[in-house]
Amino acid sequence: MITSDLDGARCTIILGPRFDFSCRSEFRAAYSKSPAGTAYWVDMSQVNYVDSAALGMLLLLRDHAGELSRITIRGCHGQPDQVLKIANFHRIFRFE
């Protein structure tokens, strides 16, 4: 399950325990209506599994956000953190 909250110029997206291909529509819906210039916080503190589709979804979010917006990934740990590090996402996104 994915929830999102748009608070001013920031959209917080909270991901459930699995961030995989089955989440694609729900993840896109979580950010697609955000206005230009929105900053995104992706809360992965509950995520214990990601697959390659999750990497693609994060890249689509980056494309949607544009160069002016920031994306921060928060609470990433375990298998998801290892996968994102192997994919060099720590160079593309900001992590907290």
N, C-alpha and C. Protein backbone atom coordinates (compact mmCIF):
# COMPACT_ATOMS: atom_id res chain seq x y z
N MET A 1 0.84 -1.18 0.00
CA MET A 1 0.00 0.00 0.00
C MET A 1 0.88 1.25 0.00
N ILE A 2 0.48 2.22 -0.78
CA ILE A 2 1.21 3.48 -0.89
C ILE A 2 0.28 4.61 -0.50
N THR A 3 0.76 5.48 0.36
CA THR A 3 -0.01 6.68 0.70
C THR A 3 0.82 7.90 0.35
N SER A 4 0.13 8.99 0.09
CA SER A 4 0.85 10.23 -0.21
C SER A 4 0.12 11.39 0.44
N ASP A 5 0.89 12.43 0.72
CA ASP A 5 0.35 13.62 1.36
C ASP A 5 1.02 14.83 0.73
N LEU A 6 0.23 15.69 0.11
CA LEU A 6 0.75 16.91 -0.48
C LEU A 6 0.54 18.03 0.53
N ASP A 7 1.65 18.56 1.04
CA ASP A 7 1.61 19.61 2.06
C ASP A 7 2.38 20.81 1.53
N GLY A 8 1.68 21.75 0.95
CA GLY A 8 2.35 22.90 0.36
C GLY A 8 3.17 22.49 -0.84
N ALA A 9 4.46 22.74 -0.77
CA ALA A 9 5.36 22.43 -1.88
C ALA A 9 6.08 21.11 -1.70
N ARG A 10 5.59 20.26 -0.78
CA ARG A 10 6.24 18.96 -0.55
C ARG A 10 5.21 17.84 -0.62
N CYS A 11 5.56 16.80 -1.34
CA CYS A 11 4.74 15.60 -1.43
C CYS A 11 5.49 14.47 -0.74
N THR A 12 4.89 13.91 0.29
CA THR A 12 5.49 12.78 0.99
C THR A 12 4.80 11.51 0.50
N ILE A 13 5.59 10.56 0.04
CA ILE A 13 5.08 9.29 -0.45
C ILE A 13 5.59 8.21 0.50
N ILE A 14 4.65 7.50 1.14
CA ILE A 14 5.00 6.46 2.10
C ILE A 14 4.73 5.10 1.45
N LEU A 15 5.78 4.31 1.35
CA LEU A 15 5.69 3.01 0.68
C LEU A 15 5.47 1.89 1.69
N GLY A 16 4.78 0.85 1.24
CA GLY A 16 4.54 -0.33 2.07
C GLY A 16 5.73 -1.28 2.06
N PRO A 17 5.56 -2.49 2.56
CA PRO A 17 6.69 -3.41 2.73
C PRO A 17 7.31 -3.90 1.42
N ARG A 18 6.54 -3.93 0.33
CA ARG A 18 7.10 -4.36 -0.96
C ARG A 18 6.95 -3.21 -1.96
N PHE A 19 8.06 -2.83 -2.56
CA PHE A 19 8.05 -1.81 -3.60
C PHE A 19 8.51 -2.51 -4.87
N ASP A 20 7.53 -2.98 -5.65
CA ASP A 20 7.84 -3.79 -6.82
C ASP A 20 6.87 -3.46 -7.95
N PHE A 21 6.93 -4.25 -9.00
CA PHE A 21 6.14 -4.00 -10.20
C PHE A 21 4.65 -3.83 -9.91
N SER A 22 4.14 -4.52 -8.93
CA SER A 22 2.71 -4.44 -8.62
C SER A 22 2.30 -3.06 -8.11
N CYS A 23 3.26 -2.23 -7.74
CA CYS A 23 2.99 -0.89 -7.19
C CYS A 23 2.98 0.21 -8.24
N ARG A 24 3.24 -0.11 -9.48
CA ARG A 24 3.50 0.91 -10.49
C ARG A 24 2.37 1.94 -10.64
N SER A 25 1.14 1.50 -10.74
CA SER A 25 0.02 2.44 -10.91
C SER A 25 -0.20 3.28 -9.66
N GLU A 26 -0.15 2.64 -8.52
CA GLU A 26 -0.37 3.32 -7.25
C GLU A 26 0.74 4.35 -6.98
N PHE A 27 1.99 3.99 -7.31
CA PHE A 27 3.11 4.91 -7.11
C PHE A 27 2.97 6.13 -8.02
N ARG A 28 2.65 5.89 -9.28
CA ARG A 28 2.48 7.01 -10.22
C ARG A 28 1.35 7.93 -9.77
N ALA A 29 0.26 7.36 -9.31
CA ALA A 29 -0.87 8.17 -8.84
C ALA A 29 -0.48 9.01 -7.63
N ALA A 30 0.48 8.53 -6.83
CA ALA A 30 0.89 9.24 -5.61
C ALA A 30 1.56 10.57 -5.92
N TYR A 31 2.19 10.69 -7.09
CA TYR A 31 2.91 11.93 -7.40
C TYR A 31 2.40 12.67 -8.64
N SER A 32 1.63 12.04 -9.47
CA SER A 32 1.32 12.59 -10.79
C SER A 32 0.53 13.90 -10.76
N LYS A 33 -0.22 14.16 -9.73
CA LYS A 33 -1.02 15.38 -9.67
C LYS A 33 -0.32 16.53 -8.93
N SER A 34 0.92 16.32 -8.52
CA SER A 34 1.67 17.35 -7.80
C SER A 34 2.05 18.47 -8.77
N PRO A 35 1.96 19.72 -8.31
CA PRO A 35 2.32 20.84 -9.19
C PRO A 35 3.82 20.92 -9.46
N ALA A 36 4.17 21.65 -10.50
CA ALA A 36 5.59 21.87 -10.83
C ALA A 36 6.29 22.50 -9.63
N GLY A 37 7.53 22.11 -9.42
CA GLY A 37 8.32 22.66 -8.32
C GLY A 37 8.16 21.94 -7.00
N THR A 38 7.37 20.88 -6.99
CA THR A 38 7.16 20.11 -5.76
C THR A 38 8.43 19.37 -5.37
N ALA A 39 8.72 19.35 -4.09
CA ALA A 39 9.80 18.52 -3.54
C ALA A 39 9.17 17.21 -3.08
N TYR A 40 9.87 16.12 -3.26
CA TYR A 40 9.33 14.80 -2.92
C TYR A 40 10.16 14.14 -1.84
N TRP A 41 9.47 13.61 -0.84
CA TRP A 41 10.08 12.78 0.18
C TRP A 41 9.50 11.39 0.01
N VAL A 42 10.35 10.43 -0.28
CA VAL A 42 9.91 9.05 -0.44
C VAL A 42 10.32 8.30 0.82
N ASP A 43 9.34 7.93 1.62
CA ASP A 43 9.58 7.25 2.90
C ASP A 43 9.63 5.75 2.66
N MET A 44 10.84 5.18 2.79
CA MET A 44 11.03 3.75 2.58
C MET A 44 11.29 3.01 3.90
N SER A 45 10.93 3.61 5.00
CA SER A 45 11.23 3.01 6.31
C SER A 45 10.50 1.69 6.53
N GLN A 46 9.38 1.46 5.84
CA GLN A 46 8.63 0.22 5.99
C GLN A 46 8.96 -0.80 4.90
N VAL A 47 9.77 -0.42 3.93
CA VAL A 47 10.05 -1.28 2.78
C VAL A 47 11.13 -2.30 3.14
N ASN A 48 10.83 -3.57 2.85
CA ASN A 48 11.83 -4.62 3.08
C ASN A 48 12.21 -5.35 1.79
N TYR A 49 11.58 -4.96 0.66
CA TYR A 49 11.91 -5.60 -0.62
C TYR A 49 11.68 -4.62 -1.77
N VAL A 50 12.65 -4.52 -2.68
CA VAL A 50 12.49 -3.80 -3.93
C VAL A 50 12.98 -4.68 -5.07
N ASP A 51 12.44 -4.44 -6.25
CA ASP A 51 12.92 -5.14 -7.44
C ASP A 51 13.36 -4.11 -8.46
N SER A 52 13.72 -4.56 -9.65
CA SER A 52 14.21 -3.64 -10.67
C SER A 52 13.13 -2.66 -11.12
N ALA A 53 11.87 -3.06 -11.05
CA ALA A 53 10.78 -2.15 -11.41
C ALA A 53 10.74 -0.94 -10.46
N ALA A 54 11.08 -1.16 -9.20
CA ALA A 54 11.12 -0.06 -8.24
C ALA A 54 12.17 0.97 -8.65
N LEU A 55 13.30 0.51 -9.16
CA LEU A 55 14.34 1.42 -9.63
C LEU A 55 13.79 2.27 -10.78
N GLY A 56 13.10 1.62 -11.69
CA GLY A 56 12.50 2.34 -12.81
C GLY A 56 11.46 3.35 -12.35
N MET A 57 10.67 2.99 -11.36
CA MET A 57 9.65 3.92 -10.85
C MET A 57 10.29 5.15 -10.22
N LEU A 58 11.39 4.96 -9.50
CA LEU A 58 12.08 6.11 -8.91
C LEU A 58 12.66 7.01 -10.01
N LEU A 59 13.14 6.42 -11.09
CA LEU A 59 13.64 7.22 -12.20
C LEU A 59 12.51 7.98 -12.90
N LEU A 60 11.34 7.37 -13.00
CA LEU A 60 10.18 8.06 -13.57
C LEU A 60 9.77 9.23 -12.68
N LEU A 61 9.85 9.05 -11.36
CA LEU A 61 9.56 10.15 -10.45
C LEU A 61 10.55 11.28 -10.68
N ARG A 62 11.81 10.93 -10.85
CA ARG A 62 12.84 11.95 -11.11
C ARG A 62 12.53 12.70 -12.40
N ASP A 63 12.11 12.00 -13.43
CA ASP A 63 11.73 12.65 -14.69
C ASP A 63 10.54 13.58 -14.48
N HIS A 64 9.57 13.14 -13.72
CA HIS A 64 8.38 13.96 -13.43
C HIS A 64 8.75 15.20 -12.63
N ALA A 65 9.63 15.04 -11.67
CA ALA A 65 10.00 16.14 -10.78
C ALA A 65 10.77 17.23 -11.52
N GLY A 66 11.51 16.87 -12.53
CA GLY A 66 12.30 17.85 -13.26
C GLY A 66 13.53 18.27 -12.48
N GLU A 67 14.31 19.13 -13.06
CA GLU A 67 15.57 19.54 -12.45
C GLU A 67 15.38 20.48 -11.27
N LEU A 68 14.28 21.20 -11.21
CA LEU A 68 14.09 22.19 -10.15
C LEU A 68 13.64 21.56 -8.83
N SER A 69 13.09 20.38 -8.91
CA SER A 69 12.59 19.73 -7.70
C SER A 69 13.64 18.80 -7.12
N ARG A 70 13.50 18.55 -5.83
CA ARG A 70 14.39 17.61 -5.15
C ARG A 70 13.61 16.38 -4.74
N ILE A 71 14.32 15.27 -4.73
CA ILE A 71 13.74 14.03 -4.23
C ILE A 71 14.64 13.54 -3.12
N THR A 72 14.05 13.28 -1.95
CA THR A 72 14.79 12.73 -0.82
C THR A 72 14.19 11.38 -0.47
N ILE A 73 15.06 10.39 -0.37
CA ILE A 73 14.64 9.05 0.03
C ILE A 73 14.99 8.90 1.49
N ARG A 74 13.98 8.59 2.29
CA ARG A 74 14.17 8.54 3.74
C ARG A 74 13.95 7.13 4.27
N GLY A 75 14.73 6.76 5.28
CA GLY A 75 14.51 5.52 6.02
C GLY A 75 14.85 4.24 5.27
N CYS A 76 15.64 4.33 4.23
CA CYS A 76 15.98 3.14 3.44
C CYS A 76 16.99 2.28 4.22
N HIS A 77 16.72 0.98 4.28
CA HIS A 77 17.58 0.06 5.04
C HIS A 77 17.49 -1.34 4.43
N GLY A 78 18.38 -2.22 4.86
CA GLY A 78 18.33 -3.63 4.46
C GLY A 78 18.47 -3.84 2.97
N GLN A 79 17.72 -4.80 2.44
CA GLN A 79 17.79 -5.16 1.03
C GLN A 79 17.54 -3.97 0.11
N PRO A 80 16.51 -3.13 0.38
CA PRO A 80 16.31 -1.98 -0.50
C PRO A 80 17.53 -1.06 -0.55
N ASP A 81 18.16 -0.81 0.58
CA ASP A 81 19.33 0.06 0.61
C ASP A 81 20.48 -0.56 -0.19
N GLN A 82 20.67 -1.86 -0.07
CA GLN A 82 21.72 -2.54 -0.82
C GLN A 82 21.48 -2.45 -2.32
N VAL A 83 20.23 -2.67 -2.75
CA VAL A 83 19.90 -2.61 -4.17
C VAL A 83 20.12 -1.20 -4.71
N LEU A 84 19.68 -0.18 -3.97
CA LEU A 84 19.85 1.19 -4.43
C LEU A 84 21.33 1.59 -4.48
N LYS A 85 22.13 1.09 -3.55
CA LYS A 85 23.57 1.37 -3.59
C LYS A 85 24.23 0.69 -4.79
N ILE A 86 23.88 -0.56 -5.05
CA ILE A 86 24.45 -1.28 -6.19
C ILE A 86 24.11 -0.56 -7.50
N ALA A 87 22.90 0.00 -7.56
CA ALA A 87 22.46 0.72 -8.76
C ALA A 87 22.97 2.17 -8.80
N ASN A 88 23.79 2.55 -7.80
CA ASN A 88 24.35 3.91 -7.70
C ASN A 88 23.28 4.99 -7.55
N PHE A 89 22.16 4.66 -6.97
CA PHE A 89 21.12 5.65 -6.76
C PHE A 89 21.50 6.66 -5.68
N HIS A 90 22.50 6.34 -4.88
CA HIS A 90 22.96 7.31 -3.88
C HIS A 90 23.67 8.49 -4.55
N ARG A 91 24.01 8.33 -5.82
CA ARG A 91 24.59 9.44 -6.58
C ARG A 91 23.52 10.29 -7.26
N ILE A 92 22.35 9.72 -7.45
CA ILE A 92 21.27 10.40 -8.17
C ILE A 92 20.31 11.10 -7.21
N PHE A 93 20.02 10.44 -6.09
CA PHE A 93 19.02 10.93 -5.15
C PHE A 93 19.69 11.31 -3.83
N ARG A 94 19.00 12.11 -3.10
CA ARG A 94 19.45 12.48 -1.75
C ARG A 94 18.84 11.47 -0.76
N PHE A 95 19.67 10.98 0.15
CA PHE A 95 19.21 9.99 1.13
C PHE A 95 19.33 10.58 2.55
N GLU A 96 18.37 10.25 3.36
CA GLU A 96 18.41 10.61 4.79
C GLU A 96 18.21 9.36 5.61
